[in-house]
Amino acid sequence: MAAHFIVAAKTVMAILRQAVIALHAKAPCVLLDAQRTLYLFEATHRAFRKSIPIFGPML
């Protein structure tokens, strides 16, 4: 179950990164909100991984 969440989270992060790049090309003024969203999602993902003991050594 946790492995499925990790794969899904990595996929979402990759999509968000691509969206940030595309958005910056079209509207640089919106970049800060997109970067903040990506940062918060990555922080949530790290916190989730730290909460599961088997993933601790992999961080």
N, C-alpha and C. Protein backbone atom coordinates (compact mmCIF):
# COMPACT_ATOMS: atom_id res chain seq x y z
N MET A 1 0.83 -1.20 0.00
CA MET A 1 0.00 0.00 0.00
C MET A 1 0.87 1.25 0.00
N ALA A 2 1.85 1.29 0.90
CA ALA A 2 2.71 2.47 0.97
C ALA A 2 3.53 2.62 -0.31
N ALA A 3 3.94 1.50 -0.89
CA ALA A 3 4.73 1.56 -2.13
C ALA A 3 3.91 2.18 -3.26
N HIS A 4 2.62 1.87 -3.31
CA HIS A 4 1.75 2.45 -4.33
C HIS A 4 1.64 3.96 -4.14
N PHE A 5 1.57 4.38 -2.88
CA PHE A 5 1.49 5.82 -2.60
C PHE A 5 2.77 6.52 -3.04
N ILE A 6 3.92 5.88 -2.78
CA ILE A 6 5.21 6.47 -3.16
C ILE A 6 5.29 6.63 -4.68
N VAL A 7 4.90 5.60 -5.42
CA VAL A 7 4.93 5.67 -6.88
C VAL A 7 3.99 6.77 -7.37
N ALA A 8 2.80 6.83 -6.80
CA ALA A 8 1.83 7.86 -7.20
C ALA A 8 2.36 9.25 -6.86
N ALA A 9 2.97 9.40 -5.71
CA ALA A 9 3.50 10.70 -5.30
C ALA A 9 4.64 11.14 -6.22
N LYS A 10 5.51 10.21 -6.59
CA LYS A 10 6.60 10.55 -7.50
C LYS A 10 6.06 10.96 -8.87
N THR A 11 5.02 10.28 -9.32
CA THR A 11 4.40 10.62 -10.60
C THR A 11 3.80 12.02 -10.54
N VAL A 12 3.10 12.31 -9.46
CA VAL A 12 2.50 13.64 -9.31
C VAL A 12 3.58 14.71 -9.24
N MET A 13 4.68 14.44 -8.53
CA MET A 13 5.77 15.41 -8.45
C MET A 13 6.39 15.67 -9.83
N ALA A 14 6.54 14.60 -10.62
CA ALA A 14 7.09 14.78 -11.97
C ALA A 14 6.15 15.63 -12.82
N ILE A 15 4.86 15.38 -12.72
CA ILE A 15 3.87 16.16 -13.46
C ILE A 15 3.91 17.62 -13.00
N LEU A 16 3.99 17.83 -11.69
CA LEU A 16 4.05 19.20 -11.18
C LEU A 16 5.30 19.93 -11.65
N ARG A 17 6.44 19.22 -11.68
CA ARG A 17 7.67 19.86 -12.15
C ARG A 17 7.52 20.30 -13.61
N GLN A 18 6.94 19.42 -14.44
CA GLN A 18 6.74 19.77 -15.84
C GLN A 18 5.77 20.94 -15.98
N ALA A 19 4.76 20.96 -15.13
CA ALA A 19 3.79 22.07 -15.17
C ALA A 19 4.46 23.38 -14.77
N VAL A 20 5.35 23.33 -13.79
CA VAL A 20 6.07 24.54 -13.37
C VAL A 20 6.92 25.06 -14.52
N ILE A 21 7.61 24.17 -15.21
CA ILE A 21 8.46 24.58 -16.34
C ILE A 21 7.61 25.20 -17.45
N ALA A 22 6.51 24.53 -17.80
CA ALA A 22 5.64 25.04 -18.86
C ALA A 22 5.00 26.37 -18.46
N LEU A 23 4.59 26.45 -17.21
CA LEU A 23 3.94 27.67 -16.72
C LEU A 23 4.91 28.84 -16.72
N HIS A 24 6.14 28.58 -16.33
CA HIS A 24 7.14 29.64 -16.31
C HIS A 24 7.40 30.18 -17.72
N ALA A 25 7.36 29.30 -18.70
CA ALA A 25 7.59 29.73 -20.08
C ALA A 25 6.47 30.66 -20.56
N LYS A 26 5.25 30.42 -20.08
CA LYS A 26 4.11 31.20 -20.55
C LYS A 26 3.78 32.39 -19.65
N ALA A 27 3.96 32.23 -18.36
CA ALA A 27 3.57 33.29 -17.42
C ALA A 27 4.52 33.30 -16.22
N PRO A 28 5.66 33.95 -16.35
CA PRO A 28 6.64 33.97 -15.25
C PRO A 28 6.09 34.49 -13.92
N CYS A 29 5.08 35.34 -13.96
CA CYS A 29 4.54 35.90 -12.72
C CYS A 29 3.82 34.86 -11.87
N VAL A 30 3.42 33.74 -12.48
CA VAL A 30 2.68 32.71 -11.74
C VAL A 30 3.64 31.67 -11.16
N LEU A 31 4.92 31.79 -11.49
CA LEU A 31 5.90 30.79 -11.10
C LEU A 31 5.98 30.59 -9.60
N LEU A 32 5.92 31.65 -8.82
CA LEU A 32 6.07 31.52 -7.36
C LEU A 32 5.00 30.63 -6.76
N ASP A 33 3.74 30.78 -7.18
CA ASP A 33 2.68 29.93 -6.65
C ASP A 33 2.90 28.48 -7.05
N ALA A 34 3.31 28.24 -8.27
CA ALA A 34 3.55 26.86 -8.72
C ALA A 34 4.72 26.25 -7.96
N GLN A 35 5.79 27.01 -7.75
CA GLN A 35 6.93 26.50 -7.00
C GLN A 35 6.54 26.22 -5.55
N ARG A 36 5.74 27.08 -4.96
CA ARG A 36 5.30 26.88 -3.58
C ARG A 36 4.47 25.60 -3.47
N THR A 37 3.60 25.37 -4.44
CA THR A 37 2.78 24.15 -4.43
C THR A 37 3.66 22.92 -4.53
N LEU A 38 4.63 22.95 -5.43
CA LEU A 38 5.54 21.82 -5.59
C LEU A 38 6.34 21.60 -4.31
N TYR A 39 6.85 22.67 -3.71
CA TYR A 39 7.63 22.56 -2.47
C TYR A 39 6.79 21.94 -1.36
N LEU A 40 5.55 22.38 -1.21
CA LEU A 40 4.68 21.84 -0.15
C LEU A 40 4.38 20.37 -0.39
N PHE A 41 4.15 20.00 -1.66
CA PHE A 41 3.87 18.60 -1.96
C PHE A 41 5.09 17.73 -1.64
N GLU A 42 6.28 18.20 -2.03
CA GLU A 42 7.50 17.43 -1.74
C GLU A 42 7.74 17.33 -0.24
N ALA A 43 7.47 18.39 0.50
CA ALA A 43 7.64 18.36 1.96
C ALA A 43 6.68 17.36 2.59
N THR A 44 5.45 17.32 2.10
CA THR A 44 4.46 16.36 2.61
C THR A 44 4.91 14.94 2.30
N HIS A 45 5.43 14.73 1.11
CA HIS A 45 5.90 13.40 0.72
C HIS A 45 7.07 12.96 1.60
N ARG A 46 8.02 13.87 1.87
CA ARG A 46 9.15 13.53 2.76
C ARG A 46 8.66 13.19 4.17
N ALA A 47 7.71 13.95 4.68
CA ALA A 47 7.18 13.70 6.02
C ALA A 47 6.50 12.33 6.07
N PHE A 48 5.76 12.00 5.02
CA PHE A 48 5.10 10.70 4.97
C PHE A 48 6.14 9.58 4.97
N ARG A 49 7.19 9.73 4.16
CA ARG A 49 8.21 8.69 4.10
C ARG A 49 8.92 8.53 5.44
N LYS A 50 9.17 9.63 6.13
CA LYS A 50 9.85 9.55 7.43
C LYS A 50 8.96 8.87 8.47
N SER A 51 7.65 8.93 8.28
CA SER A 51 6.74 8.33 9.26
C SER A 51 6.66 6.82 9.13
N ILE A 52 7.21 6.27 8.05
CA ILE A 52 7.20 4.82 7.84
C ILE A 52 8.63 4.31 8.07
N PRO A 53 8.84 3.50 9.10
CA PRO A 53 10.19 3.08 9.49
C PRO A 53 11.02 2.45 8.36
N ILE A 54 10.39 1.67 7.46
CA ILE A 54 11.20 0.99 6.44
C ILE A 54 11.79 1.96 5.43
N PHE A 55 11.23 3.17 5.32
CA PHE A 55 11.75 4.14 4.36
C PHE A 55 12.80 5.06 4.98
N GLY A 56 12.93 5.06 6.29
CA GLY A 56 13.87 5.95 6.97
C GLY A 56 15.29 5.90 6.42
N PRO A 57 15.90 4.69 6.30
CA PRO A 57 17.28 4.61 5.80
C PRO A 57 17.43 5.07 4.34
N MET A 58 16.35 5.10 3.58
CA MET A 58 16.43 5.45 2.16
C MET A 58 16.44 6.96 1.94
N LEU A 59 16.19 7.75 3.00
CA LEU A 59 16.11 9.21 2.82
C LEU A 59 17.48 9.83 2.79
